[in-house]
Protein backbone atom coordinates (compact mmCIF):
# COMPACT_ATOMS: atom_id res chain seq x y z
CA MET A 1 -15.40 16.54 -9.93
CA LYS A 2 -19.19 17.44 -8.24
CA HIS A 3 -19.03 16.57 -4.00
CA GLY A 4 -21.67 15.73 -2.07
CA LYS A 5 -23.19 17.39 -0.12
CA LYS A 6 -21.41 15.74 2.99
CA TYR A 7 -18.23 15.89 1.28
CA LEU A 8 -18.63 19.40 1.21
CA GLU A 9 -19.87 20.34 4.53
CA ALA A 10 -17.21 17.82 5.76
CA ALA A 11 -14.24 20.35 3.79
CA LYS A 12 -15.26 23.48 5.60
CA ALA A 13 -13.40 21.87 8.64
CA VAL A 14 -10.43 22.08 6.64
CA ASP A 15 -7.81 24.68 7.05
CA ARG A 16 -6.69 24.91 2.88
CA SER A 17 -4.27 27.54 4.32
CA ILE A 18 -2.09 25.28 6.95
CA GLN A 19 -0.39 22.28 7.29
CA TYR A 20 -1.17 20.48 10.01
CA ASP A 21 1.31 18.76 12.48
CA PRO A 22 0.83 14.61 12.05
CA ALA A 23 -0.97 14.28 14.86
CA ASP A 24 -3.52 16.99 14.42
CA ALA A 25 -3.88 15.83 10.81
CA ILE A 26 -5.12 12.20 12.06
CA SER A 27 -7.63 13.02 14.56
CA THR A 28 -9.00 15.72 11.79
CA VAL A 29 -9.24 13.01 9.65
CA LYS A 30 -10.70 10.86 11.71
CA LYS A 31 -13.50 13.44 12.17
CA LEU A 32 -14.00 13.82 8.22
CA ALA A 33 -14.46 9.98 8.01
CA THR A 34 -18.70 10.45 8.37
CA ALA A 35 -19.07 7.53 5.32
CA LYS A 36 -21.78 4.82 7.03
CA PHE A 37 -18.83 2.28 6.81
CA ASP A 38 -15.48 2.14 7.97
CA GLU A 39 -13.57 4.52 5.97
CA THR A 40 -9.98 3.71 4.81
CA ILE A 41 -7.60 5.99 5.76
CA GLU A 42 -5.24 6.43 3.14
CA VAL A 43 -1.62 8.32 2.62
CA HIS A 44 -0.85 10.82 -0.67
CA ILE A 45 2.79 11.73 -0.70
CA LYS A 46 3.81 13.57 -3.54
CA THR A 47 7.74 12.96 -4.00
CA GLY A 48 10.27 15.09 -5.57
CA CYS A 49 11.97 11.92 -7.55
CA ASP A 50 11.55 11.65 -11.58
CA GLY A 51 10.29 7.88 -11.74
CA ARG A 52 11.68 7.77 -15.22
CA HIS A 53 15.44 6.88 -13.79
CA ALA A 54 15.84 4.44 -12.65
CA ASP A 55 18.14 5.08 -9.86
CA GLN A 56 15.17 7.42 -8.80
CA GLN A 57 12.20 4.45 -8.66
CA ILE A 58 10.77 4.18 -5.40
CA ARG A 59 9.63 0.46 -4.68
CA GLY A 60 9.60 -1.66 -1.16
CA ALA A 61 7.57 -2.49 1.90
CA VAL A 62 6.55 -2.19 4.85
CA VAL A 63 4.72 -4.13 7.65
CA LEU A 64 2.47 -1.68 9.92
CA PRO A 65 2.18 -2.28 13.63
CA HIS A 66 -1.75 -2.10 13.48
CA GLY A 67 -1.65 -4.11 10.22
CA THR A 68 -4.39 -2.26 7.42
CA GLY A 69 -7.87 -3.32 8.96
CA LYS A 70 -8.89 -5.14 5.77
CA GLN A 71 -8.57 -9.42 5.04
CA VAL A 72 -5.46 -9.58 3.05
CA ARG A 73 -6.22 -12.66 0.33
CA VAL A 74 -3.11 -14.46 -0.32
CA LEU A 75 -2.60 -16.08 -3.86
CA VAL A 76 0.88 -17.98 -3.66
CA PHE A 77 2.54 -19.83 -6.68
CA ALA A 78 4.26 -22.39 -5.27
CA LYS A 79 5.34 -26.32 -5.66
CA GLY A 80 5.83 -29.37 -3.84
CA ALA A 81 6.69 -28.43 0.02
CA LYS A 82 6.63 -24.82 -1.05
CA ALA A 83 3.12 -25.03 -1.61
CA ASP A 84 1.92 -27.15 1.92
CA GLU A 85 4.22 -24.21 3.83
CA ALA A 86 2.25 -21.46 2.06
CA VAL A 87 -1.08 -23.70 3.02
CA ALA A 88 0.03 -24.24 6.92
CA ALA A 89 1.00 -19.98 6.59
CA GLY A 90 -2.76 -19.24 5.56
CA ALA A 91 -2.73 -18.28 2.07
CA GLU A 92 -5.78 -18.82 0.44
CA PHE A 93 -4.87 -19.43 -2.42
CA VAL A 94 -2.12 -21.93 -3.89
CA GLY A 95 -0.64 -23.04 -7.18
CA ALA A 96 1.16 -23.56 -10.39
CA GLU A 97 0.90 -23.87 -14.07
CA GLU A 98 -2.80 -25.12 -13.71
CA LEU A 99 -3.68 -21.13 -12.19
CA ILE A 100 -2.78 -19.24 -15.63
CA PRO A 101 -5.51 -20.00 -17.46
CA ARG A 102 -7.76 -19.20 -14.79
CA ILE A 103 -6.55 -15.54 -14.46
CA GLN A 104 -5.23 -15.17 -18.14
CA ASN A 105 -9.04 -16.25 -19.67
CA ASP A 106 -11.40 -16.04 -16.72
CA GLY A 107 -10.24 -13.18 -15.56
CA TRP A 108 -9.95 -14.25 -11.81
CA PHE A 109 -8.88 -11.90 -8.94
CA ASP A 110 -10.22 -12.91 -6.05
CA TYR A 111 -7.63 -11.93 -4.26
CA ASP A 112 -5.15 -8.86 -3.11
CA VAL A 113 -1.59 -9.82 -3.17
CA VAL A 114 0.22 -12.59 -5.04
CA VAL A 115 3.68 -14.09 -3.79
CA ALA A 116 5.54 -16.59 -5.56
CA THR A 117 8.83 -18.72 -5.35
CA PRO A 118 11.65 -18.00 -7.46
CA ASP A 119 11.06 -20.92 -9.38
CA MET A 120 7.66 -20.32 -10.14
CA MET A 121 8.70 -17.25 -11.86
CA GLY A 122 8.84 -18.35 -14.99
CA VAL A 123 5.65 -19.39 -15.23
CA VAL A 124 3.96 -16.11 -13.09
CA GLY A 125 6.18 -13.86 -15.81
CA ARG A 126 3.17 -14.16 -18.42
CA LEU A 127 0.58 -13.23 -16.54
CA GLY A 128 2.64 -10.29 -16.69
CA ARG A 129 0.83 -7.81 -18.89
CA VAL A 130 -2.71 -8.93 -16.40
CA LEU A 131 -0.78 -8.67 -13.50
CA GLY A 132 1.06 -6.19 -13.85
CA PRO A 133 -1.42 -3.26 -14.98
CA LYS A 134 -2.97 -3.88 -11.13
CA GLY A 135 -0.14 -4.18 -9.35
CA LEU A 136 -0.22 -7.57 -8.20
CA MET A 137 3.08 -8.95 -10.30
CA PRO A 138 5.03 -10.00 -7.50
CA ASN A 139 8.31 -8.79 -7.00
CA PRO A 140 11.67 -9.18 -4.78
CA LYS A 141 11.93 -5.76 -3.59
CA ALA A 142 8.71 -6.29 -2.01
CA GLY A 143 9.27 -9.15 -0.53
CA THR A 144 7.13 -11.42 -2.53
CA VAL A 145 9.13 -13.35 -5.22
CA THR A 146 10.71 -15.69 -2.14
CA MET A 147 11.82 -18.72 -1.00
CA ASP A 148 10.36 -18.36 2.43
CA VAL A 149 6.78 -18.55 1.76
CA THR A 150 5.87 -18.71 5.16
CA LYS A 151 7.01 -15.36 6.48
CA ALA A 152 5.90 -13.89 3.36
CA VAL A 153 2.01 -14.66 3.88
CA LYS A 154 2.18 -13.80 7.32
CA GLU A 155 3.76 -10.34 7.16
CA ILE A 156 1.33 -9.45 4.33
CA LYS A 157 -1.34 -10.97 6.81
CA ALA A 158 -0.10 -8.97 9.87
CA GLY A 159 -0.64 -5.92 7.76
CA LYS A 160 2.46 -5.07 5.15
CA ILE A 161 2.07 -3.02 2.32
CA GLU A 162 3.86 -2.20 -0.23
CA TYR A 163 5.18 1.55 -1.75
CA ARG A 164 5.68 2.77 -4.82
CA LEU A 165 5.08 5.80 -6.72
CA ASP A 166 3.23 5.99 -9.56
CA LYS A 167 3.56 7.60 -13.52
CA THR A 168 3.06 11.29 -11.73
CA ASN A 169 6.02 10.35 -9.07
CA ILE A 170 3.36 10.19 -6.16
CA ILE A 171 3.39 7.08 -3.36
CA HIS A 172 -0.63 6.08 -2.25
CA VAL A 173 -1.08 4.10 0.68
CA PRO A 174 -3.63 3.01 3.40
CA ILE A 175 -2.48 3.19 7.22
CA GLY A 176 -5.52 2.19 8.28
CA LYS A 177 -9.61 2.59 9.09
CA ALA A 178 -11.06 5.57 10.96
CA SER A 179 -12.53 2.94 13.46
CA PHE A 180 -8.71 3.15 14.30
CA THR A 181 -7.58 5.39 17.63
CA GLU A 182 -5.37 7.71 17.24
CA GLU A 183 -2.16 5.64 18.62
CA GLN A 184 -3.24 3.29 15.98
CA LEU A 185 -2.99 5.15 12.97
CA SER A 186 -0.08 7.40 14.09
CA ASP A 187 2.68 4.17 14.98
CA ASN A 188 1.39 3.21 10.96
CA PHE A 189 1.63 6.90 9.80
CA GLN A 190 5.55 7.24 11.02
CA THR A 191 6.05 3.86 10.32
CA LEU A 192 5.38 4.15 7.02
CA ILE A 193 7.26 7.26 6.99
CA GLY A 194 10.32 5.82 8.69
CA ALA A 195 10.48 3.16 5.67
CA ILE A 196 9.79 5.75 2.38
CA ASN A 197 12.06 8.56 4.38
CA LYS A 198 15.02 5.10 4.43
CA ALA A 199 14.10 4.70 0.27
CA LYS A 200 14.98 8.59 -0.37
CA PRO A 201 17.49 8.03 -3.34
CA ALA A 202 21.04 8.77 -3.37
CA THR A 203 20.88 10.55 -6.42
CA LEU A 204 18.12 13.17 -6.18
CA LYS A 205 18.50 16.85 -5.66
CA GLY A 206 15.87 19.05 -3.86
CA GLN A 207 12.82 18.68 -1.83
CA TYR A 208 11.64 14.45 -1.13
CA LEU A 209 8.94 14.74 0.24
CA LYS A 210 7.07 17.49 -1.64
CA SER A 211 3.49 17.73 -0.24
CA VAL A 212 1.79 14.61 2.35
CA THR A 213 -1.59 14.64 2.79
CA LEU A 214 -4.11 12.62 4.95
CA ALA A 215 -7.27 11.40 3.56
CA PRO A 216 -11.11 9.62 4.40
CA THR A 217 -11.92 6.91 1.56
CA MET A 218 -14.93 9.29 0.68
CA GLY A 219 -13.21 13.01 2.54
CA PRO A 220 -11.44 15.93 1.51
CA GLY A 221 -7.52 15.70 2.29
CA VAL A 222 -5.49 17.00 4.85
CA LYS A 223 -2.36 18.48 4.37
CA VAL A 224 0.67 17.43 6.88
CA ASN A 225 3.47 19.53 7.62
CA THR A 226 7.01 17.65 5.80
CA LEU A 227 8.98 19.42 7.75
CA LYS A 228 8.05 17.34 11.35
CA LEU A 229 8.06 14.39 8.84
CA ALA A 230 12.04 14.33 7.91
């Protein structure tokens, strides 16, 4: 993969031979975000888990104290009073069966998170092939299949993010924007790491957090000292 001049220039500021203390990593990664837009700061966590085993799957959600800096659009599948609740809580889109063809046939994806009440999962299940690959399928572990739609929508709006292993056993999540202060990014980062540490599978042998890297959208990654994250 070829990198542009700005990326290569920024990469010179990173010492690849060392793992940075969390505070130094955050300070460095903020300086690396030199794009003309407000870059997202992401965390990439390589774990020692083997996601092929059900007991080593990691999936959950955590509310970042300062949010992600992104406006999150929520779609809620609910009926009756629960649909009214979702609207009152601030969900952008609320509906039931009538939304299926719009998503399946028209490729409608103008939302970032999908929430559903349990009674609607029979309907939403029909969208598994479409929503699943995009990471949009509601899931009880992530708190997106629930009767408490008010709480779900409000938490998502407040900065709740979902984390899960990808096929290479890596977790990729945003922890804020380059415009955030170092303290805000640090709070979000520590909250996320706390949640990931709690989610460590009991059956895992060996090292859990193999590597943790912070990176801005357009810049190089900065490795964090995993020994400081226990």
